[in-house]
């Protein structure tokens, strides 16, 4: 059997070194990637886009009904008997033998008509209402996009917090395992009772449970973000969130612009469209004028003596009945309801801006307090560790200090994530995209 050459051994060692080397963990994708995915693949986004397309098509339908229309019709008729008259009956002095065909055996007819609405105020107003409704649907689509972004932002920061909590739980588990080893050594040396070793082991299991719960939260948050955006989050590495705890500008800086947020604009345009529909219903009582031009061709001349002829018509129509007045009242009521919805949308937007702005201030206070609490409890845990190793403190004091430090770290993680989310939610409530300027971490 041939022995491996040194070159072959070198290649094998390189191969196994590469295979056994730790792979680089993929960090969580940027927030913008999830937002873009959600806007493109979210069921809400697809639905609102379909509604927008339908509304725009309805506007074209309303316009098409007021434009000239062409209709063409051709027929073939097989008659059992043909009808002919001598030409001399209609034209005295005509030579004998001439006939006029009134109905042939094989009858061919072709008709082409052009209908032109000339004056129809109701239809013209409905066209304007349909266009306004299409603009309302467009604004509603923009409002839904902001709502989708708000949900993705909240889910993203919660996932970031859960990932950080897993890391903190892993560190707490390592601390508990190290404490168990120290306690075991002290028990073996007779410096501590056996009860402390059981207590240290119970603390390790408590941290195992805490880690399992944190990993469950990551799994749930990642699945929710995947469902919203269609992008599977990379969970190989945590994302460090930091905030300088700066105050936001005054509340007045976040008030909606004159045209309002997309949700407010959608409600205002829907109210205008309802008012235009009410006006169109009232204008239905006004007479309408339409014109038509029809060309008829056949394979027989008939009494006119021509196989092709045209007809031009002007038609004045006026329809009035009790149902028309009832429809006017119904459309007026719908317009008032749309005005009420516009007011509700305006109030809801202003309330959302105020609540989000206040939430940011509260989140800043919580984050500042959580940072101080984490520093203090971490220092207390280090002191308790030193005192316990020196025999100047009890194990219960050490375990309580470590639990307080972990709770403070978890609170700080959640507070910073909540603050980042609150800042973005404030801008979204004001109808602004927080990612447009790269404000999000």
Protein backbone atom coordinates (compact mmCIF):
# COMPACT_ATOMS: atom_id res chain seq x y z
CA UNK A 1 0.00 0.00 0.00
CA UNK A 2 1.42 3.36 -1.01
CA UNK A 3 2.12 5.86 1.71
CA UNK A 4 0.58 9.36 1.32
CA UNK A 5 2.99 11.96 0.09
CA UNK A 6 3.75 15.05 2.18
CA UNK A 7 1.96 17.20 -0.40
CA UNK A 8 -1.20 15.10 -0.11
CA UNK A 9 -1.05 15.30 3.70
CA UNK A 10 -0.71 19.06 3.47
CA UNK A 11 -3.76 19.36 1.20
CA UNK A 12 -5.82 17.13 3.47
CA UNK A 13 -4.88 19.13 6.54
CA UNK A 14 -5.89 22.35 4.78
CA UNK A 15 -9.23 20.79 3.73
CA UNK A 16 -10.10 19.62 7.24
CA UNK A 17 -8.96 22.92 8.73
CA UNK A 18 -11.34 24.78 6.43
CA UNK A 19 -14.21 22.39 7.16
CA UNK A 20 -13.72 22.56 10.94
CA UNK A 21 -13.15 26.32 11.07
CA UNK A 22 -16.09 28.28 12.52
CA UNK A 23 -18.25 29.77 9.79
CA UNK A 24 -18.96 33.49 9.86
CA UNK A 25 -22.41 34.17 11.24
CA UNK A 26 -24.74 36.11 8.99
CA UNK A 27 -26.08 39.23 10.68
CA UNK A 28 -29.73 40.20 10.51
CA UNK A 29 -30.61 41.95 7.26
CA UNK A 30 -31.18 45.74 7.28
CA UNK A 31 -34.63 47.00 8.14
CA UNK A 32 -35.04 48.55 4.68
CA UNK A 33 -34.82 45.11 3.07
CA UNK A 34 -37.74 43.80 5.11
CA UNK A 35 -39.79 46.94 4.43
CA UNK A 36 -39.22 46.67 0.68
CA UNK A 37 -40.16 43.01 0.75
CA UNK A 38 -43.37 43.70 2.67
CA UNK A 39 -44.41 46.51 0.34
CA UNK A 40 -43.97 44.21 -2.65
CA UNK A 41 -45.34 40.93 -1.29
CA UNK A 42 -47.65 41.74 1.61
CA UNK A 43 -51.26 40.62 1.02
CA UNK A 44 -52.41 44.06 2.18
CA UNK A 45 -50.17 45.73 -0.41
CA UNK A 46 -51.38 43.42 -3.17
CA UNK A 47 -55.01 43.99 -2.20
CA UNK A 48 -54.77 47.77 -2.09
CA UNK A 49 -52.95 47.81 -5.45
CA UNK A 50 -55.70 45.68 -6.98
CA UNK A 51 -58.32 48.06 -5.55
CA UNK A 52 -56.43 51.00 -7.03
CA UNK A 53 -56.31 49.35 -10.45
CA UNK A 54 -60.03 48.60 -10.25
CA UNK A 55 -60.86 52.18 -9.26
CA UNK A 56 -58.79 53.59 -12.10
CA UNK A 57 -60.55 51.22 -14.50
CA UNK A 58 -63.92 52.42 -13.17
CA UNK A 59 -62.85 55.99 -13.91
CA UNK A 60 -62.10 54.95 -17.50
CA UNK A 61 -65.48 53.21 -17.69
CA UNK A 62 -67.25 56.41 -16.63
CA UNK A 63 -65.29 58.38 -19.22
CA UNK A 64 -65.99 55.83 -21.94
CA UNK A 65 -69.75 56.11 -21.45
CA UNK A 66 -69.58 59.82 -22.27
CA UNK A 67 -67.42 59.40 -25.38
CA UNK A 68 -68.78 58.69 -28.88
CA UNK A 69 -69.53 55.02 -29.42
CA UNK A 70 -69.54 52.98 -32.61
CA UNK A 71 -71.72 49.92 -33.14
CA UNK A 72 -71.75 47.71 -36.22
CA UNK A 73 -74.31 44.98 -36.97
CA UNK A 74 -74.61 42.59 -39.88
CA UNK A 75 -77.41 40.08 -40.49
CA UNK A 76 -78.29 37.38 -42.99
CA UNK A 77 -81.95 36.36 -43.41
CA UNK A 78 -83.36 33.53 -45.51
CA UNK A 79 -86.94 34.39 -46.55
CA UNK A 80 -89.40 31.76 -47.75
CA UNK A 81 -90.78 34.08 -50.42
CA UNK A 82 -89.29 36.98 -52.26
CA UNK A 83 -91.35 40.11 -52.92
CA UNK A 84 -90.89 42.08 -56.12
CA UNK A 85 -92.93 44.90 -57.67
CA UNK A 86 -92.93 46.04 -61.27
CA UNK A 87 -91.02 49.25 -61.66
CA UNK A 88 -93.84 50.70 -63.73
CA UNK A 89 -96.12 50.82 -60.65
CA UNK A 90 -93.85 53.27 -58.94
CA UNK A 91 -92.44 55.05 -61.94
CA UNK A 92 -95.02 55.56 -64.76
CA UNK A 93 -93.39 55.42 -68.11
CA UNK A 94 -90.66 53.10 -66.99
CA UNK A 95 -89.84 50.34 -69.47
CA UNK A 96 -91.59 47.04 -68.88
CA UNK A 97 -89.62 44.24 -67.31
CA UNK A 98 -88.02 46.34 -64.56
CA UNK A 99 -88.66 45.28 -60.96
CA UNK A 100 -88.02 46.53 -57.46
CA UNK A 101 -87.00 43.95 -54.89
CA UNK A 102 -88.71 44.51 -51.57
CA UNK A 103 -87.73 41.22 -49.90
CA UNK A 104 -85.17 38.88 -51.47
CA UNK A 105 -84.75 35.19 -50.75
CA UNK A 106 -81.28 35.84 -49.35
CA UNK A 107 -81.41 39.09 -47.44
CA UNK A 108 -78.18 40.83 -46.33
CA UNK A 109 -78.22 43.90 -44.06
CA UNK A 110 -75.38 45.89 -42.52
CA UNK A 111 -75.81 48.79 -40.10
CA UNK A 112 -73.15 51.09 -38.59
CA UNK A 113 -74.13 53.67 -35.95
CA UNK A 114 -72.23 56.39 -34.13
CA UNK A 115 -73.81 57.67 -30.90
CA UNK A 116 -72.55 60.96 -29.47
CA UNK A 117 -73.67 62.31 -26.05
CA UNK A 118 -73.85 66.06 -26.58
CA UNK A 119 -75.23 67.42 -23.32
CA UNK A 120 -75.38 65.11 -20.29
CA UNK A 121 -74.44 67.03 -17.16
CA UNK A 122 -75.06 64.07 -14.87
CA UNK A 123 -72.66 61.80 -16.75
CA UNK A 124 -70.00 64.50 -16.96
CA UNK A 125 -70.16 65.00 -13.18
CA UNK A 126 -69.95 61.24 -12.59
CA UNK A 127 -66.75 61.21 -14.63
CA UNK A 128 -65.25 63.81 -12.28
CA UNK A 129 -66.43 61.79 -9.27
CA UNK A 130 -64.82 58.61 -10.64
CA UNK A 131 -61.51 60.40 -11.17
CA UNK A 132 -61.62 61.79 -7.64
CA UNK A 133 -62.36 58.30 -6.30
CA UNK A 134 -59.32 57.00 -8.19
CA UNK A 135 -57.14 59.65 -6.54
CA UNK A 136 -58.62 58.64 -3.20
CA UNK A 137 -57.67 55.01 -3.87
CA UNK A 138 -54.15 56.13 -4.75
CA UNK A 139 -53.82 57.99 -1.45
CA UNK A 140 -55.28 54.99 0.36
CA UNK A 141 -52.61 52.80 -1.22
CA UNK A 142 -49.93 55.13 0.14
CA UNK A 143 -51.57 55.02 3.59
CA UNK A 144 -51.59 51.21 3.54
CA UNK A 145 -47.91 51.21 2.58
CA UNK A 146 -47.17 53.27 5.69
CA UNK A 147 -49.23 50.88 7.81
CA UNK A 148 -47.30 47.93 6.41
CA UNK A 149 -44.02 49.69 7.17
CA UNK A 150 -45.18 50.42 10.71
CA UNK A 151 -45.90 46.74 11.34
CA UNK A 152 -42.58 45.65 9.84
CA UNK A 153 -40.67 48.24 11.88
CA UNK A 154 -42.28 47.07 15.10
CA UNK A 155 -41.65 43.41 14.28
CA UNK A 156 -38.06 44.10 13.28
CA UNK A 157 -37.11 45.90 16.48
CA UNK A 158 -38.84 43.24 18.56
CA UNK A 159 -36.79 40.58 16.79
CA UNK A 160 -33.62 42.59 17.45
CA UNK A 161 -34.54 42.79 21.13
CA UNK A 162 -35.28 39.07 21.29
CA UNK A 163 -31.95 38.23 19.66
CA UNK A 164 -30.15 40.42 22.20
CA UNK A 165 -32.11 38.74 24.99
CA UNK A 166 -30.91 35.34 23.77
CA UNK A 167 -27.30 36.55 23.95
CA UNK A 168 -27.89 37.91 27.44
CA UNK A 169 -29.52 34.63 28.48
CA UNK A 170 -26.55 32.69 27.17
CA UNK A 171 -24.16 34.87 29.17
CA UNK A 172 -26.32 34.47 32.27
CA UNK A 173 -26.29 30.71 31.77
CA UNK A 174 -22.49 30.73 31.53
CA UNK A 175 -22.29 32.78 34.71
CA UNK A 176 -24.61 30.34 36.48
CA UNK A 177 -22.57 27.36 35.28
CA UNK A 178 -19.34 29.01 36.47
CA UNK A 179 -21.00 29.71 39.82
CA UNK A 180 -22.03 26.08 40.08
CA UNK A 181 -18.42 25.00 39.59
CA UNK A 182 -17.23 27.44 42.26
CA UNK A 183 -19.89 26.23 44.65
CA UNK A 184 -19.01 22.61 43.95
CA UNK A 185 -15.36 23.35 44.78
CA UNK A 186 -16.32 25.11 48.01
CA UNK A 187 -18.54 22.20 49.02
CA UNK A 188 -15.74 19.74 48.29
CA UNK A 189 -13.40 21.82 50.47
CA UNK A 190 -15.98 21.98 53.23
CA UNK A 191 -16.34 25.75 52.94
CA UNK A 192 -20.05 25.62 52.01
CA UNK A 193 -22.91 23.31 52.86
CA UNK A 194 -24.24 20.83 50.27
CA UNK A 195 -27.46 22.85 50.07
CA UNK A 196 -25.64 25.60 48.21
CA UNK A 197 -24.59 23.19 45.46
CA UNK A 198 -28.23 22.17 44.94
CA UNK A 199 -29.22 25.80 44.88
CA UNK A 200 -26.52 26.57 42.30
CA UNK A 201 -27.70 23.68 40.14
CA UNK A 202 -31.28 24.95 40.36
CA UNK A 203 -30.06 28.38 39.25
CA UNK A 204 -28.42 26.81 36.20
CA UNK A 205 -31.70 25.10 35.26
CA UNK A 206 -33.58 28.35 35.76
CA UNK A 207 -31.26 30.03 33.28
CA UNK A 208 -31.72 27.13 30.85
CA UNK A 209 -35.45 27.77 30.97
CA UNK A 210 -34.88 31.48 30.49
CA UNK A 211 -32.74 30.78 27.42
CA UNK A 212 -35.37 28.43 25.98
CA UNK A 213 -38.05 31.08 26.43
CA UNK A 214 -35.86 33.72 24.74
CA UNK A 215 -35.17 31.40 21.79
CA UNK A 216 -38.91 30.77 21.48
CA UNK A 217 -39.54 34.51 21.27
CA UNK A 218 -36.91 34.80 18.53
CA UNK A 219 -38.53 31.99 16.56
CA UNK A 220 -41.99 33.55 16.83
CA UNK A 221 -40.77 37.06 15.95
CA UNK A 222 -38.71 35.78 13.01
CA UNK A 223 -41.66 33.83 11.62
CA UNK A 224 -43.94 36.87 11.92
CA UNK A 225 -41.39 39.06 10.12
CA UNK A 226 -40.97 36.41 7.43
CA UNK A 227 -44.76 36.28 6.89
CA UNK A 228 -44.98 40.07 6.64
CA UNK A 229 -42.05 40.62 4.28
CA UNK A 230 -41.51 37.32 2.48
CA UNK A 231 -37.85 37.42 3.61
CA UNK A 232 -36.41 34.87 6.02
CA UNK A 233 -34.39 36.73 8.70
CA UNK A 234 -30.76 35.75 9.20
CA UNK A 235 -30.40 34.91 12.89
CA UNK A 236 -26.68 34.13 13.01
CA UNK A 237 -25.64 37.34 14.77
CA UNK A 238 -27.31 40.01 16.86
CA UNK A 239 -27.78 43.65 15.91
CA UNK A 240 -26.48 46.17 18.39
CA UNK A 241 -28.99 48.96 19.00
CA UNK A 242 -27.84 52.21 20.54
CA UNK A 243 -29.49 55.56 21.09
CA UNK A 244 -28.09 58.85 22.34
CA UNK A 245 -31.41 59.52 24.12
CA UNK A 246 -31.89 62.85 22.34
CA UNK A 247 -35.26 64.53 22.61
CA UNK A 248 -37.49 64.79 19.57
CA UNK A 249 -38.48 68.20 18.17
CA UNK A 250 -41.59 69.87 19.51
CA UNK A 251 -44.94 68.26 18.82
CA UNK A 252 -45.86 71.06 16.41
CA UNK A 253 -43.03 69.95 14.10
CA UNK A 254 -44.85 66.67 13.45
CA UNK A 255 -48.26 68.10 12.61
CA UNK A 256 -49.59 67.00 9.20
CA UNK A 257 -48.84 69.21 6.17
CA UNK A 258 -51.67 71.21 4.55
CA UNK A 259 -52.48 68.33 2.20
CA UNK A 260 -52.58 65.97 5.17
CA UNK A 261 -51.17 62.49 5.57
CA UNK A 262 -52.03 59.85 2.94
CA UNK A 263 -54.87 58.58 5.15
CA UNK A 264 -56.26 62.09 5.57
CA UNK A 265 -55.91 62.80 1.84
CA UNK A 266 -57.72 59.56 0.99
CA UNK A 267 -60.61 60.48 3.29
CA UNK A 268 -60.80 64.04 1.90
CA UNK A 269 -60.86 62.82 -1.69
CA UNK A 270 -63.46 60.18 -0.86
CA UNK A 271 -65.65 62.92 0.64
CA UNK A 272 -65.21 65.05 -2.49
CA UNK A 273 -66.10 62.09 -4.71
CA UNK A 274 -69.27 61.46 -2.67
CA UNK A 275 -70.25 65.11 -3.01
CA UNK A 276 -69.71 64.93 -6.78
CA UNK A 277 -71.87 61.81 -6.94
CA UNK A 278 -74.60 63.69 -5.07
CA UNK A 279 -74.35 66.56 -7.55
CA UNK A 280 -74.53 64.09 -10.45
CA UNK A 281 -77.68 62.59 -9.00
CA UNK A 282 -79.32 66.02 -8.81
CA UNK A 283 -78.23 66.81 -12.37
CA UNK A 284 -80.00 63.65 -13.53
CA UNK A 285 -83.19 65.76 -13.44
CA UNK A 286 -81.77 67.97 -16.21
CA UNK A 287 -82.67 66.91 -19.79
CA UNK A 288 -79.89 65.34 -21.84
CA UNK A 289 -79.17 65.69 -25.54
CA UNK A 290 -77.58 63.01 -27.72
CA UNK A 291 -76.97 62.58 -31.43
CA UNK A 292 -76.59 59.53 -33.61
CA UNK A 293 -75.64 58.81 -37.21
CA UNK A 294 -76.60 55.48 -38.80
CA UNK A 295 -75.57 54.07 -42.18
CA UNK A 296 -77.62 51.14 -43.57
CA UNK A 297 -76.59 48.95 -46.53
CA UNK A 298 -78.37 45.93 -48.01
CA UNK A 299 -78.56 43.77 -51.12
CA UNK A 300 -82.00 45.10 -52.09
CA UNK A 301 -83.22 48.60 -52.94
CA UNK A 302 -86.72 48.60 -51.43
CA UNK A 303 -89.11 51.48 -52.05
CA UNK A 304 -86.35 54.08 -51.89
CA UNK A 305 -84.60 52.58 -54.81
CA UNK A 306 -81.23 52.76 -53.02
CA UNK A 307 -79.36 49.91 -51.42
CA UNK A 308 -77.54 52.27 -49.01
CA UNK A 309 -78.87 55.14 -46.92
CA UNK A 310 -78.03 57.08 -43.75
CA UNK A 311 -80.06 58.53 -40.89
CA UNK A 312 -79.10 61.37 -38.50
CA UNK A 313 -80.99 61.81 -35.22
CA UNK A 314 -80.97 64.33 -32.39
CA UNK A 315 -82.67 63.00 -29.23
CA UNK A 316 -83.67 65.07 -26.22
CA UNK A 317 -84.43 62.96 -23.12
CA UNK A 318 -85.90 63.94 -19.80
CA UNK A 319 -86.66 61.38 -17.12
CA UNK A 320 -88.24 62.30 -13.81
CA UNK A 321 -89.91 60.09 -11.21
CA UNK A 322 -90.16 59.62 -7.46
CA UNK A 323 -87.17 57.26 -7.43
CA UNK A 324 -84.95 60.07 -8.70
CA UNK A 325 -85.73 62.25 -5.67
CA UNK A 326 -85.14 59.32 -3.32
CA UNK A 327 -81.77 58.67 -4.97
CA UNK A 328 -80.85 62.34 -4.46
CA UNK A 329 -81.51 62.03 -0.73
CA UNK A 330 -79.52 58.79 -0.56
CA UNK A 331 -76.48 60.32 -2.27
CA UNK A 332 -76.65 63.39 -0.04
CA UNK A 333 -76.63 61.13 3.03
CA UNK A 334 -73.62 59.23 1.66
CA UNK A 335 -71.81 62.54 1.18
CA UNK A 336 -72.46 63.48 4.81
CA UNK A 337 -71.17 60.08 5.93
CA UNK A 338 -68.00 60.60 3.88
CA UNK A 339 -67.53 64.01 5.53
CA UNK A 340 -67.82 62.35 8.95
CA UNK A 341 -65.20 59.78 7.96
CA UNK A 342 -62.91 62.58 6.84
CA UNK A 343 -63.24 64.24 10.25
CA UNK A 344 -62.59 60.91 11.97
CA UNK A 345 -59.45 60.33 9.90
CA UNK A 346 -58.14 63.79 10.75
CA UNK A 347 -58.76 63.34 14.47
CA UNK A 348 -57.28 59.83 14.46
CA UNK A 349 -54.12 61.07 12.72
CA UNK A 350 -53.61 63.91 15.16
CA UNK A 351 -54.23 61.58 18.11
CA UNK A 352 -51.75 59.05 16.70
CA UNK A 353 -49.09 61.75 16.29
CA UNK A 354 -49.64 63.00 19.82
CA UNK A 355 -49.59 59.50 21.31
CA UNK A 356 -46.46 58.53 19.38
CA UNK A 357 -44.67 61.72 20.39
CA UNK A 358 -45.56 61.13 24.04
CA UNK A 359 -44.49 57.48 23.70
CA UNK A 360 -41.04 58.61 22.51
CA UNK A 361 -40.61 60.83 25.57
CA UNK A 362 -41.64 58.00 27.87
CA UNK A 363 -39.35 55.57 26.03
CA UNK A 364 -36.41 57.97 26.43
CA UNK A 365 -37.03 58.13 30.18
CA UNK A 366 -37.29 54.34 30.44
CA UNK A 367 -34.15 53.79 28.38
CA UNK A 368 -32.17 56.28 30.48
CA UNK A 369 -33.34 54.68 33.69
CA UNK A 370 -32.72 51.16 32.35
CA UNK A 371 -29.12 52.05 31.49
CA UNK A 372 -28.42 53.34 34.98
CA UNK A 373 -30.15 50.32 36.51
CA UNK A 374 -28.07 47.95 34.39
CA UNK A 375 -24.81 49.64 35.38
CA UNK A 376 -25.70 49.60 39.07
CA UNK A 377 -26.89 45.99 39.15
CA UNK A 378 -23.91 44.80 37.12
CA UNK A 379 -21.56 46.47 39.58
CA UNK A 380 -23.52 44.99 42.49
CA UNK A 381 -23.29 41.52 40.93
CA UNK A 382 -19.51 41.85 40.55
CA UNK A 383 -19.17 42.91 44.19
CA UNK A 384 -21.39 40.05 45.31
CA UNK A 385 -19.23 37.63 43.34
CA UNK A 386 -16.05 38.89 44.99
CA UNK A 387 -17.60 38.86 48.46
CA UNK A 388 -18.95 35.35 47.99
CA UNK A 389 -15.57 34.02 46.88
CA UNK A 390 -14.01 35.73 49.89
CA UNK A 391 -16.62 34.18 52.19
CA UNK A 392 -18.05 37.57 53.21
CA UNK A 393 -21.43 37.08 51.59
CA UNK A 394 -24.03 34.34 51.24
CA UNK A 395 -24.91 32.46 48.10
CA UNK A 396 -28.44 33.83 48.21
CA UNK A 397 -27.04 37.36 48.04
CA UNK A 398 -24.96 36.39 45.00
CA UNK A 399 -27.85 34.71 43.19
CA UNK A 400 -30.16 37.64 43.84
CA UNK A 401 -27.55 40.11 42.57
CA UNK A 402 -27.03 38.07 39.42
CA UNK A 403 -30.78 37.83 38.80
CA UNK A 404 -31.14 41.58 39.27
CA UNK A 405 -28.30 42.19 36.81
CA UNK A 406 -29.89 39.93 34.20
CA UNK A 407 -33.32 41.51 34.65
CA UNK A 408 -31.81 44.98 34.32
CA UNK A 409 -29.96 44.00 31.14
CA UNK A 410 -33.13 42.52 29.65
CA UNK A 411 -35.05 45.68 30.56
CA UNK A 412 -32.39 47.86 28.98
CA UNK A 413 -32.46 45.81 25.76
CA UNK A 414 -36.24 46.05 25.49
CA UNK A 415 -36.22 49.77 26.38
CA UNK A 416 -33.73 50.65 23.64
CA UNK A 417 -35.63 48.60 21.06
CA UNK A 418 -38.91 50.22 22.12
CA UNK A 419 -37.33 53.66 21.82
CA UNK A 420 -36.05 52.96 18.30
CA UNK A 421 -39.47 51.67 17.31
CA UNK A 422 -41.23 54.66 18.92
CA UNK A 423 -39.11 57.14 16.95
CA UNK A 424 -40.00 55.48 13.66
CA UNK A 425 -43.67 55.09 14.59
CA UNK A 426 -43.84 58.82 15.29
CA UNK A 427 -42.67 59.67 11.79
CA UNK A 428 -44.94 57.09 10.21
CA UNK A 429 -47.92 58.51 12.11
CA UNK A 430 -47.03 61.93 10.67
CA UNK A 431 -47.07 60.45 7.16
CA UNK A 432 -43.29 60.43 6.76
CA UNK A 433 -40.98 57.57 5.81
CA UNK A 434 -38.31 57.25 8.54
CA UNK A 435 -36.12 55.14 6.26
CA UNK A 436 -36.06 57.67 3.44
CA UNK A 437 -33.39 59.75 5.20
CA UNK A 438 -31.59 56.77 6.71
CA UNK A 439 -32.73 57.68 10.20
CA UNK A 440 -33.24 54.09 11.29
CA UNK A 441 -30.24 52.16 12.69
